[in-house]
N, C-alpha and C. Protein backbone atom coordinates (compact mmCIF):
# COMPACT_ATOMS: atom_id res chain seq x y z
N MET A 1 105.74 117.14 139.58
CA MET A 1 104.83 116.03 139.77
C MET A 1 103.39 116.51 139.94
N GLN A 2 103.21 117.69 140.56
CA GLN A 2 101.86 118.18 140.78
C GLN A 2 101.17 118.57 139.47
N LYS A 3 101.96 119.10 138.52
CA LYS A 3 101.38 119.44 137.22
C LYS A 3 100.91 118.18 136.50
N PHE A 4 101.73 117.13 136.57
CA PHE A 4 101.37 115.86 135.94
C PHE A 4 100.13 115.28 136.61
N SER A 5 100.10 115.34 137.94
CA SER A 5 98.95 114.83 138.69
C SER A 5 97.68 115.60 138.32
N ALA A 6 97.80 116.92 138.18
CA ALA A 6 96.64 117.73 137.80
C ALA A 6 96.18 117.39 136.39
N LEU A 7 97.13 117.11 135.50
CA LEU A 7 96.78 116.73 134.13
C LEU A 7 96.03 115.41 134.10
N VAL A 8 96.53 114.42 134.84
CA VAL A 8 95.86 113.11 134.93
C VAL A 8 94.47 113.29 135.52
N GLU A 9 94.37 114.14 136.54
CA GLU A 9 93.09 114.38 137.20
C GLU A 9 92.08 114.99 136.23
N ARG A 10 92.49 115.99 135.47
CA ARG A 10 91.58 116.62 134.51
C ARG A 10 91.13 115.62 133.43
N PHE A 11 92.09 114.86 132.94
CA PHE A 11 91.76 113.88 131.91
C PHE A 11 90.82 112.81 132.46
N ALA A 12 91.07 112.36 133.70
CA ALA A 12 90.22 111.34 134.32
C ALA A 12 88.80 111.87 134.52
N LEU A 13 88.67 113.14 134.90
CA LEU A 13 87.35 113.72 135.07
C LEU A 13 86.63 113.82 133.73
N ALA A 14 87.35 114.20 132.67
CA ALA A 14 86.76 114.29 131.34
C ALA A 14 86.27 112.93 130.87
N VAL A 15 87.09 111.89 131.09
CA VAL A 15 86.70 110.54 130.69
C VAL A 15 85.50 110.06 131.52
N LEU A 16 85.49 110.42 132.80
CA LEU A 16 84.36 110.07 133.65
C LEU A 16 83.07 110.71 133.13
N LEU A 17 83.15 111.96 132.70
CA LEU A 17 81.97 112.63 132.16
C LEU A 17 81.53 112.00 130.84
N VAL A 18 82.47 111.62 130.00
CA VAL A 18 82.12 110.92 128.76
C VAL A 18 81.46 109.57 129.09
N GLY A 19 81.98 108.90 130.13
CA GLY A 19 81.36 107.66 130.58
C GLY A 19 79.93 107.88 131.06
N GLY A 20 79.69 109.03 131.70
CA GLY A 20 78.33 109.37 132.12
C GLY A 20 77.41 109.54 130.93
N VAL A 21 77.91 110.18 129.88
CA VAL A 21 77.13 110.31 128.65
C VAL A 21 76.88 108.93 128.05
N GLY A 22 77.90 108.05 128.10
CA GLY A 22 77.73 106.68 127.62
C GLY A 22 76.66 105.93 128.41
N MET A 23 76.64 106.15 129.73
CA MET A 23 75.64 105.50 130.56
C MET A 23 74.24 106.01 130.22
N LEU A 24 74.12 107.31 130.03
CA LEU A 24 72.84 107.90 129.65
C LEU A 24 72.38 107.35 128.30
N THR A 25 73.32 107.25 127.35
CA THR A 25 73.00 106.71 126.03
C THR A 25 72.52 105.26 126.13
N ALA A 26 73.25 104.44 126.91
CA ALA A 26 72.86 103.03 127.07
C ALA A 26 71.49 102.92 127.73
N MET A 27 71.24 103.78 128.71
CA MET A 27 69.95 103.75 129.39
C MET A 27 68.81 104.11 128.44
N LEU A 28 69.00 105.19 127.67
CA LEU A 28 67.95 105.62 126.75
C LEU A 28 67.72 104.59 125.64
N LEU A 29 68.81 104.03 125.10
CA LEU A 29 68.67 103.01 124.07
C LEU A 29 67.98 101.75 124.62
N GLY A 30 68.38 101.35 125.82
CA GLY A 30 67.76 100.17 126.44
C GLY A 30 66.28 100.38 126.69
N ALA A 31 65.94 101.56 127.24
CA ALA A 31 64.53 101.85 127.49
C ALA A 31 63.75 101.92 126.18
N GLY A 32 64.34 102.56 125.17
CA GLY A 32 63.69 102.64 123.88
C GLY A 32 63.50 101.29 123.23
N ASP A 33 64.49 100.41 123.42
CA ASP A 33 64.40 99.07 122.87
C ASP A 33 63.28 98.28 123.54
N VAL A 34 63.19 98.38 124.86
CA VAL A 34 62.13 97.67 125.60
C VAL A 34 60.76 98.19 125.18
N VAL A 35 60.58 99.50 125.15
CA VAL A 35 59.29 100.08 124.77
C VAL A 35 58.97 99.71 123.32
N GLY A 36 59.95 99.86 122.44
CA GLY A 36 59.73 99.54 121.03
C GLY A 36 59.38 98.08 120.81
N THR A 37 60.04 97.20 121.52
CA THR A 37 59.78 95.76 121.36
C THR A 37 58.45 95.35 121.97
N GLN A 38 58.19 95.81 123.20
CA GLN A 38 57.00 95.37 123.92
C GLN A 38 55.70 95.98 123.39
N PHE A 39 55.74 97.24 122.98
CA PHE A 39 54.50 97.92 122.60
C PHE A 39 54.28 98.01 121.09
N PHE A 40 55.36 98.04 120.33
CA PHE A 40 55.21 98.24 118.89
C PHE A 40 55.77 97.09 118.05
N GLY A 41 56.49 96.18 118.69
CA GLY A 41 57.09 95.07 117.96
C GLY A 41 58.28 95.50 117.10
N TRP A 42 58.89 96.64 117.44
CA TRP A 42 60.02 97.17 116.67
C TRP A 42 61.24 97.33 117.58
N PRO A 43 62.05 96.33 117.70
CA PRO A 43 63.27 96.50 118.50
C PRO A 43 64.25 97.44 117.79
N ILE A 44 65.11 98.06 118.57
CA ILE A 44 66.14 98.93 118.00
C ILE A 44 67.35 98.07 117.69
N PRO A 45 67.76 97.99 116.41
CA PRO A 45 68.91 97.15 116.06
C PRO A 45 70.21 97.67 116.67
N GLY A 46 71.03 96.76 117.17
CA GLY A 46 72.35 97.11 117.67
C GLY A 46 72.43 97.60 119.10
N VAL A 47 71.31 97.61 119.82
CA VAL A 47 71.31 98.12 121.19
C VAL A 47 72.24 97.29 122.08
N LEU A 48 72.19 95.98 121.96
CA LEU A 48 73.04 95.12 122.78
C LEU A 48 74.52 95.44 122.55
N GLU A 49 74.92 95.55 121.30
CA GLU A 49 76.32 95.79 120.97
C GLU A 49 76.77 97.17 121.45
N ILE A 50 75.92 98.17 121.27
CA ILE A 50 76.26 99.52 121.72
C ILE A 50 76.36 99.56 123.24
N THR A 51 75.42 98.92 123.92
CA THR A 51 75.42 98.90 125.38
C THR A 51 76.65 98.18 125.92
N GLU A 52 77.03 97.07 125.30
CA GLU A 52 78.24 96.36 125.73
C GLU A 52 79.47 97.25 125.61
N SER A 53 79.57 97.97 124.51
CA SER A 53 80.73 98.84 124.32
C SER A 53 80.72 100.02 125.28
N THR A 54 79.54 100.57 125.56
CA THR A 54 79.50 101.69 126.51
C THR A 54 79.81 101.23 127.93
N MET A 55 79.54 99.97 128.25
CA MET A 55 79.90 99.47 129.58
C MET A 55 81.41 99.54 129.81
N THR A 56 82.18 99.27 128.77
CA THR A 56 83.63 99.38 128.88
C THR A 56 84.01 100.82 129.20
N LEU A 57 83.39 101.76 128.53
CA LEU A 57 83.66 103.18 128.77
C LEU A 57 83.26 103.57 130.19
N ILE A 58 82.10 103.11 130.62
CA ILE A 58 81.60 103.46 131.95
C ILE A 58 82.53 102.94 133.04
N VAL A 59 82.91 101.67 132.96
CA VAL A 59 83.73 101.05 134.01
C VAL A 59 85.16 101.54 133.95
N PHE A 60 85.81 101.40 132.81
CA PHE A 60 87.23 101.73 132.74
C PHE A 60 87.46 103.23 132.67
N GLY A 61 86.43 103.99 132.32
CA GLY A 61 86.55 105.44 132.36
C GLY A 61 86.52 105.99 133.77
N ALA A 62 85.90 105.27 134.69
CA ALA A 62 85.76 105.74 136.07
C ALA A 62 86.86 105.24 137.00
N LEU A 63 87.63 104.25 136.59
CA LEU A 63 88.62 103.67 137.50
C LEU A 63 89.66 104.68 137.99
N ALA A 64 90.22 105.47 137.09
CA ALA A 64 91.26 106.43 137.49
C ALA A 64 90.68 107.50 138.41
N TYR A 65 89.48 107.98 138.10
CA TYR A 65 88.88 109.01 138.94
C TYR A 65 88.56 108.46 140.33
N ALA A 66 88.09 107.23 140.39
CA ALA A 66 87.83 106.61 141.70
C ALA A 66 89.13 106.44 142.48
N GLN A 67 90.23 106.16 141.80
CA GLN A 67 91.52 106.03 142.47
C GLN A 67 92.01 107.39 142.97
N ILE A 68 91.77 108.44 142.20
CA ILE A 68 92.16 109.78 142.65
C ILE A 68 91.47 110.09 143.97
N ARG A 69 90.20 109.74 144.07
CA ARG A 69 89.44 109.98 145.30
C ARG A 69 89.65 108.89 146.36
N ARG A 70 90.41 107.86 145.99
CA ARG A 70 90.64 106.69 146.86
C ARG A 70 89.32 106.08 147.30
N ASN A 71 88.45 105.89 146.32
CA ASN A 71 87.13 105.32 146.59
C ASN A 71 87.03 103.84 146.26
N HIS A 72 88.14 103.20 145.93
CA HIS A 72 88.08 101.77 145.67
C HIS A 72 87.86 101.05 147.00
N ILE A 73 87.33 99.86 146.92
CA ILE A 73 86.97 99.11 148.11
C ILE A 73 88.22 98.81 148.95
N ARG A 74 88.08 99.05 150.25
CA ARG A 74 89.17 98.77 151.18
C ARG A 74 88.52 98.30 152.48
N VAL A 75 89.03 97.23 153.03
CA VAL A 75 88.53 96.74 154.31
C VAL A 75 89.27 97.50 155.40
N GLU A 76 88.53 98.27 156.18
CA GLU A 76 89.15 99.14 157.16
C GLU A 76 89.08 98.58 158.58
N LEU A 77 88.78 97.31 158.72
CA LEU A 77 88.68 96.70 160.04
C LEU A 77 89.99 96.85 160.80
N ILE A 78 91.09 96.57 160.14
CA ILE A 78 92.42 96.69 160.76
C ILE A 78 93.02 98.04 160.42
N TYR A 79 92.85 98.48 159.20
CA TYR A 79 93.47 99.70 158.68
C TYR A 79 93.20 100.90 159.58
N SER A 80 91.96 101.08 160.00
CA SER A 80 91.60 102.27 160.77
C SER A 80 92.20 102.28 162.18
N HIS A 81 92.70 101.14 162.67
CA HIS A 81 93.27 101.07 164.01
C HIS A 81 94.79 101.20 164.02
N MET A 82 95.37 101.38 162.85
CA MET A 82 96.83 101.48 162.76
C MET A 82 97.26 102.95 162.73
N GLY A 83 98.54 103.14 163.00
CA GLY A 83 99.11 104.49 162.94
C GLY A 83 99.32 104.93 161.50
N PRO A 84 99.66 106.20 161.30
CA PRO A 84 99.79 106.73 159.94
C PRO A 84 100.86 106.03 159.10
N ARG A 85 101.99 105.66 159.70
CA ARG A 85 103.05 105.00 158.93
C ARG A 85 102.63 103.59 158.51
N VAL A 86 101.96 102.87 159.39
CA VAL A 86 101.51 101.52 159.05
C VAL A 86 100.43 101.60 157.98
N ARG A 87 99.52 102.56 158.11
CA ARG A 87 98.49 102.74 157.07
C ARG A 87 99.14 103.07 155.73
N ALA A 88 100.16 103.92 155.76
CA ALA A 88 100.86 104.27 154.52
C ALA A 88 101.53 103.03 153.92
N ALA A 89 102.12 102.18 154.78
CA ALA A 89 102.74 100.94 154.29
C ALA A 89 101.68 100.00 153.70
N MET A 90 100.53 99.94 154.35
CA MET A 90 99.44 99.11 153.82
C MET A 90 98.97 99.66 152.46
N ASP A 91 98.93 100.98 152.32
CA ASP A 91 98.55 101.60 151.05
C ASP A 91 99.58 101.30 149.97
N VAL A 92 100.87 101.27 150.35
CA VAL A 92 101.93 100.92 149.39
C VAL A 92 101.72 99.50 148.89
N ILE A 93 101.43 98.58 149.79
CA ILE A 93 101.20 97.18 149.39
C ILE A 93 100.00 97.10 148.46
N ALA A 94 98.93 97.82 148.79
CA ALA A 94 97.74 97.82 147.94
C ALA A 94 98.05 98.44 146.58
N ASP A 95 98.82 99.53 146.58
CA ASP A 95 99.21 100.16 145.31
C ASP A 95 100.01 99.20 144.45
N LEU A 96 100.98 98.54 145.05
CA LEU A 96 101.83 97.60 144.29
C LEU A 96 101.01 96.43 143.75
N ALA A 97 100.11 95.89 144.57
CA ALA A 97 99.27 94.78 144.11
C ALA A 97 98.39 95.22 142.94
N ALA A 98 97.83 96.42 143.04
CA ALA A 98 96.99 96.93 141.96
C ALA A 98 97.81 97.19 140.70
N ILE A 99 99.02 97.71 140.86
CA ILE A 99 99.89 97.96 139.70
C ILE A 99 100.22 96.65 139.00
N VAL A 100 100.51 95.61 139.76
CA VAL A 100 100.81 94.30 139.15
C VAL A 100 99.57 93.77 138.43
N PHE A 101 98.43 93.78 139.11
CA PHE A 101 97.21 93.25 138.51
C PHE A 101 96.84 94.00 137.24
N PHE A 102 96.77 95.32 137.33
CA PHE A 102 96.36 96.10 136.16
C PHE A 102 97.47 96.16 135.10
N GLY A 103 98.71 95.93 135.50
CA GLY A 103 99.78 95.80 134.51
C GLY A 103 99.58 94.56 133.66
N PHE A 104 99.24 93.44 134.30
CA PHE A 104 98.92 92.22 133.54
C PHE A 104 97.69 92.43 132.65
N LEU A 105 96.67 93.08 133.21
CA LEU A 105 95.47 93.36 132.44
C LEU A 105 95.80 94.22 131.22
N LEU A 106 96.64 95.23 131.41
CA LEU A 106 97.03 96.10 130.30
C LEU A 106 97.79 95.33 129.23
N SER A 107 98.68 94.46 129.66
CA SER A 107 99.45 93.66 128.71
C SER A 107 98.52 92.84 127.81
N GLU A 108 97.56 92.17 128.41
CA GLU A 108 96.61 91.38 127.63
C GLU A 108 95.68 92.26 126.80
N ALA A 109 95.28 93.39 127.37
CA ALA A 109 94.38 94.29 126.65
C ALA A 109 95.05 94.86 125.40
N ILE A 110 96.33 95.16 125.49
CA ILE A 110 97.06 95.68 124.33
C ILE A 110 97.11 94.61 123.24
N ALA A 111 97.42 93.38 123.63
CA ALA A 111 97.46 92.29 122.64
C ALA A 111 96.10 92.11 121.97
N GLU A 112 95.04 92.11 122.77
CA GLU A 112 93.68 91.96 122.22
C GLU A 112 93.29 93.17 121.38
N GLY A 113 93.66 94.36 121.84
CA GLY A 113 93.33 95.57 121.11
C GLY A 113 94.00 95.62 119.75
N LEU A 114 95.28 95.22 119.70
CA LEU A 114 95.99 95.20 118.42
C LEU A 114 95.38 94.18 117.46
N THR A 115 95.06 93.01 117.98
CA THR A 115 94.43 91.98 117.14
C THR A 115 93.07 92.47 116.64
N SER A 116 92.28 93.04 117.52
CA SER A 116 90.95 93.53 117.16
C SER A 116 91.06 94.63 116.10
N TRP A 117 92.04 95.51 116.24
CA TRP A 117 92.25 96.58 115.28
C TRP A 117 92.69 96.02 113.92
N ARG A 118 93.61 95.07 113.99
CA ARG A 118 94.16 94.50 112.76
C ARG A 118 93.08 93.80 111.92
N ILE A 119 92.20 93.06 112.59
CA ILE A 119 91.16 92.32 111.84
C ILE A 119 89.87 93.12 111.72
N ARG A 120 89.86 94.35 112.29
CA ARG A 120 88.66 95.20 112.26
C ARG A 120 87.45 94.43 112.80
N GLU A 121 87.63 93.92 114.02
CA GLU A 121 86.62 93.08 114.66
C GLU A 121 85.29 93.82 114.81
N THR A 122 84.22 93.12 114.47
CA THR A 122 82.86 93.66 114.62
C THR A 122 81.99 92.63 115.33
N ALA A 123 80.91 93.11 115.90
CA ALA A 123 79.95 92.23 116.57
C ALA A 123 79.07 91.58 115.52
N ASP A 124 78.71 90.34 115.77
CA ASP A 124 77.77 89.65 114.89
C ASP A 124 76.36 90.06 115.28
N GLY A 125 75.64 90.60 114.35
CA GLY A 125 74.27 91.03 114.62
C GLY A 125 73.72 91.73 113.40
N LEU A 126 72.60 92.39 113.58
CA LEU A 126 71.99 93.11 112.48
C LEU A 126 72.88 94.26 112.00
N ILE A 127 73.59 94.85 112.94
CA ILE A 127 74.50 95.94 112.62
C ILE A 127 75.93 95.45 112.85
N GLN A 128 76.81 95.70 111.90
CA GLN A 128 78.22 95.33 112.06
C GLN A 128 78.90 96.40 112.92
N PHE A 129 78.70 96.31 114.23
CA PHE A 129 79.21 97.30 115.17
C PHE A 129 80.67 96.99 115.48
N PRO A 130 81.59 97.96 115.28
CA PRO A 130 83.01 97.70 115.54
C PRO A 130 83.28 97.52 117.03
N LEU A 131 84.10 96.53 117.36
CA LEU A 131 84.43 96.25 118.76
C LEU A 131 85.77 96.82 119.19
N TYR A 132 86.64 97.13 118.24
CA TYR A 132 87.98 97.59 118.61
C TYR A 132 87.99 98.92 119.36
N PRO A 133 87.06 99.85 119.14
CA PRO A 133 87.10 101.07 119.95
C PRO A 133 86.94 100.78 121.45
N ALA A 134 86.07 99.83 121.79
CA ALA A 134 85.87 99.49 123.21
C ALA A 134 87.14 98.89 123.79
N ARG A 135 87.87 98.13 123.00
CA ARG A 135 89.13 97.54 123.48
C ARG A 135 90.16 98.64 123.74
N TRP A 136 90.17 99.68 122.91
CA TRP A 136 91.12 100.78 123.12
C TRP A 136 90.69 101.68 124.27
N ILE A 137 89.39 101.76 124.53
CA ILE A 137 88.92 102.48 125.71
C ILE A 137 89.41 101.77 126.97
N LEU A 138 89.33 100.44 126.97
CA LEU A 138 89.83 99.65 128.09
C LEU A 138 91.32 99.92 128.30
N ILE A 139 92.08 99.97 127.23
CA ILE A 139 93.52 100.23 127.33
C ILE A 139 93.78 101.62 127.91
N CYS A 140 93.10 102.63 127.38
CA CYS A 140 93.30 104.00 127.86
C CYS A 140 92.89 104.14 129.33
N GLY A 141 91.77 103.56 129.71
CA GLY A 141 91.34 103.61 131.10
C GLY A 141 92.31 102.93 132.04
N THR A 142 92.87 101.81 131.60
CA THR A 142 93.84 101.09 132.43
C THR A 142 95.14 101.87 132.55
N VAL A 143 95.58 102.50 131.46
CA VAL A 143 96.79 103.33 131.51
C VAL A 143 96.60 104.48 132.49
N MET A 144 95.44 105.13 132.41
CA MET A 144 95.17 106.24 133.34
C MET A 144 95.17 105.77 134.79
N LEU A 145 94.57 104.61 135.04
CA LEU A 145 94.56 104.06 136.39
C LEU A 145 95.98 103.77 136.86
N LEU A 146 96.79 103.16 135.99
CA LEU A 146 98.17 102.85 136.36
C LEU A 146 98.97 104.11 136.66
N LEU A 147 98.77 105.15 135.87
CA LEU A 147 99.45 106.42 136.15
C LEU A 147 99.07 106.95 137.52
N GLN A 148 97.78 106.90 137.83
CA GLN A 148 97.33 107.38 139.14
C GLN A 148 97.84 106.50 140.26
N LEU A 149 97.90 105.20 140.04
CA LEU A 149 98.45 104.30 141.07
C LEU A 149 99.92 104.60 141.33
N VAL A 150 100.68 104.88 140.29
CA VAL A 150 102.10 105.23 140.47
C VAL A 150 102.23 106.54 141.24
N LEU A 151 101.39 107.52 140.92
CA LEU A 151 101.42 108.78 141.67
C LEU A 151 101.09 108.54 143.14
N HIS A 152 100.09 107.70 143.41
CA HIS A 152 99.75 107.39 144.80
C HIS A 152 100.85 106.58 145.48
N LEU A 153 101.51 105.71 144.74
CA LEU A 153 102.62 104.94 145.31
C LEU A 153 103.72 105.87 145.79
N ILE A 154 104.08 106.85 144.98
CA ILE A 154 105.10 107.82 145.37
C ILE A 154 104.65 108.59 146.61
N LEU A 155 103.41 109.04 146.61
CA LEU A 155 102.85 109.76 147.75
C LEU A 155 102.84 108.89 149.00
N ASP A 156 102.47 107.62 148.86
CA ASP A 156 102.40 106.73 150.02
C ASP A 156 103.79 106.42 150.57
N PHE A 157 104.80 106.29 149.71
CA PHE A 157 106.18 106.12 150.19
C PHE A 157 106.62 107.35 150.98
N ARG A 158 106.23 108.53 150.51
CA ARG A 158 106.55 109.77 151.24
C ARG A 158 105.85 109.78 152.60
N ARG A 159 104.62 109.27 152.64
CA ARG A 159 103.88 109.22 153.90
C ARG A 159 104.53 108.28 154.90
N ILE A 160 105.15 107.20 154.42
CA ILE A 160 105.84 106.28 155.33
C ILE A 160 106.98 107.00 156.03
N SER A 161 107.77 107.74 155.25
CA SER A 161 108.93 108.42 155.85
C SER A 161 108.54 109.62 156.70
N SER A 162 107.46 110.32 156.33
CA SER A 162 107.09 111.53 157.06
C SER A 162 106.13 111.26 158.22
N GLY A 163 105.37 110.17 158.13
CA GLY A 163 104.37 109.87 159.16
C GLY A 163 103.11 110.70 159.03
N GLU A 164 102.94 111.37 157.88
CA GLU A 164 101.75 112.19 157.67
C GLU A 164 100.52 111.33 157.46
N GLU A 165 99.38 111.89 157.85
CA GLU A 165 98.10 111.23 157.61
C GLU A 165 97.74 111.37 156.14
N LEU A 166 96.94 110.44 155.65
CA LEU A 166 96.43 110.52 154.29
C LEU A 166 95.40 111.64 154.23
N GLU A 167 95.61 112.55 153.31
CA GLU A 167 94.64 113.63 153.13
C GLU A 167 93.72 113.25 151.99
N LEU A 168 92.47 112.99 152.32
CA LEU A 168 91.49 112.67 151.29
C LEU A 168 91.05 113.95 150.61
N ARG A 169 90.88 113.87 149.31
CA ARG A 169 90.51 115.04 148.52
C ARG A 169 89.03 115.32 148.70
N ASP A 170 88.70 116.49 149.22
CA ASP A 170 87.30 116.86 149.32
C ASP A 170 86.95 117.98 148.36
N ASP A 171 87.92 118.38 147.53
CA ASP A 171 87.67 119.45 146.57
C ASP A 171 87.23 118.91 145.21
N LEU A 172 87.14 117.58 145.09
CA LEU A 172 86.73 116.97 143.83
C LEU A 172 85.22 116.76 143.82
N PRO A 173 84.60 116.86 142.65
CA PRO A 173 83.17 116.56 142.58
C PRO A 173 82.92 115.10 142.96
N PRO A 174 81.85 114.85 143.74
CA PRO A 174 81.56 113.46 144.13
C PRO A 174 81.05 112.64 142.96
N ILE A 175 81.28 111.34 143.05
CA ILE A 175 80.69 110.42 142.09
C ILE A 175 79.35 110.03 142.68
N PRO A 176 78.24 110.33 141.99
CA PRO A 176 76.92 110.04 142.55
C PRO A 176 76.77 108.59 142.97
N GLY A 177 76.28 108.38 144.20
CA GLY A 177 76.00 107.05 144.69
C GLY A 177 77.20 106.34 145.27
N ILE A 178 78.36 106.99 145.31
CA ILE A 178 79.56 106.35 145.84
C ILE A 178 79.94 107.06 147.12
N THR A 179 80.17 106.28 148.16
CA THR A 179 80.56 106.83 149.45
C THR A 179 82.08 106.88 149.52
N GLY A 180 82.59 108.00 150.02
CA GLY A 180 84.04 108.17 150.15
C GLY A 180 84.59 107.37 151.31
N ALA A 181 85.92 107.33 151.40
CA ALA A 181 86.60 106.57 152.45
C ALA A 181 86.28 107.11 153.83
N ASP A 182 85.87 108.40 153.89
CA ASP A 182 85.54 108.98 155.19
C ASP A 182 84.06 108.82 155.56
N GLY A 183 83.30 108.09 154.72
CA GLY A 183 81.91 107.81 155.02
C GLY A 183 80.93 108.80 154.43
N THR A 184 81.46 109.87 153.82
CA THR A 184 80.57 110.86 153.22
C THR A 184 80.25 110.47 151.78
N THR A 185 79.19 111.03 151.28
CA THR A 185 78.80 110.74 149.90
C THR A 185 79.38 111.74 148.95
């Protein structure tokens, strides 16, 4: 299981880095479009469509990595006052709820992705920008998140029986601007 977890972790980090490149690309294109439009009257064609597609990469590319670090939003008002077994049980409930939610999302995303691929869906605009790659990025990001949730579910069930505390990973590179569950950046 540790080899599989390490593989998911490496892949999630790679996708996160690609998402960072996508964010940089969207930022540069957006800035170039604003400058080009405002100062020269020359907008960059297709910026909206490219930016929309990179948003999918940015968001769904980071979900699995954020789950590995357990950086998703959690209300700790009650959680922090419970013992390790109760916290582990609460994590199991959260894992199961997330698996159900993202399982439904994946089901719909696959249906949409197949339809988009079949009809070779493109954005209406000056550039016929294909939309199906963004739909498949959403599918891949959701699959990675679900894999990580299942790994955490197994770990959290083990924590219930053993009574061990949750060990937050501090050996992973931080996501800039995101605070960890322990309050550190």
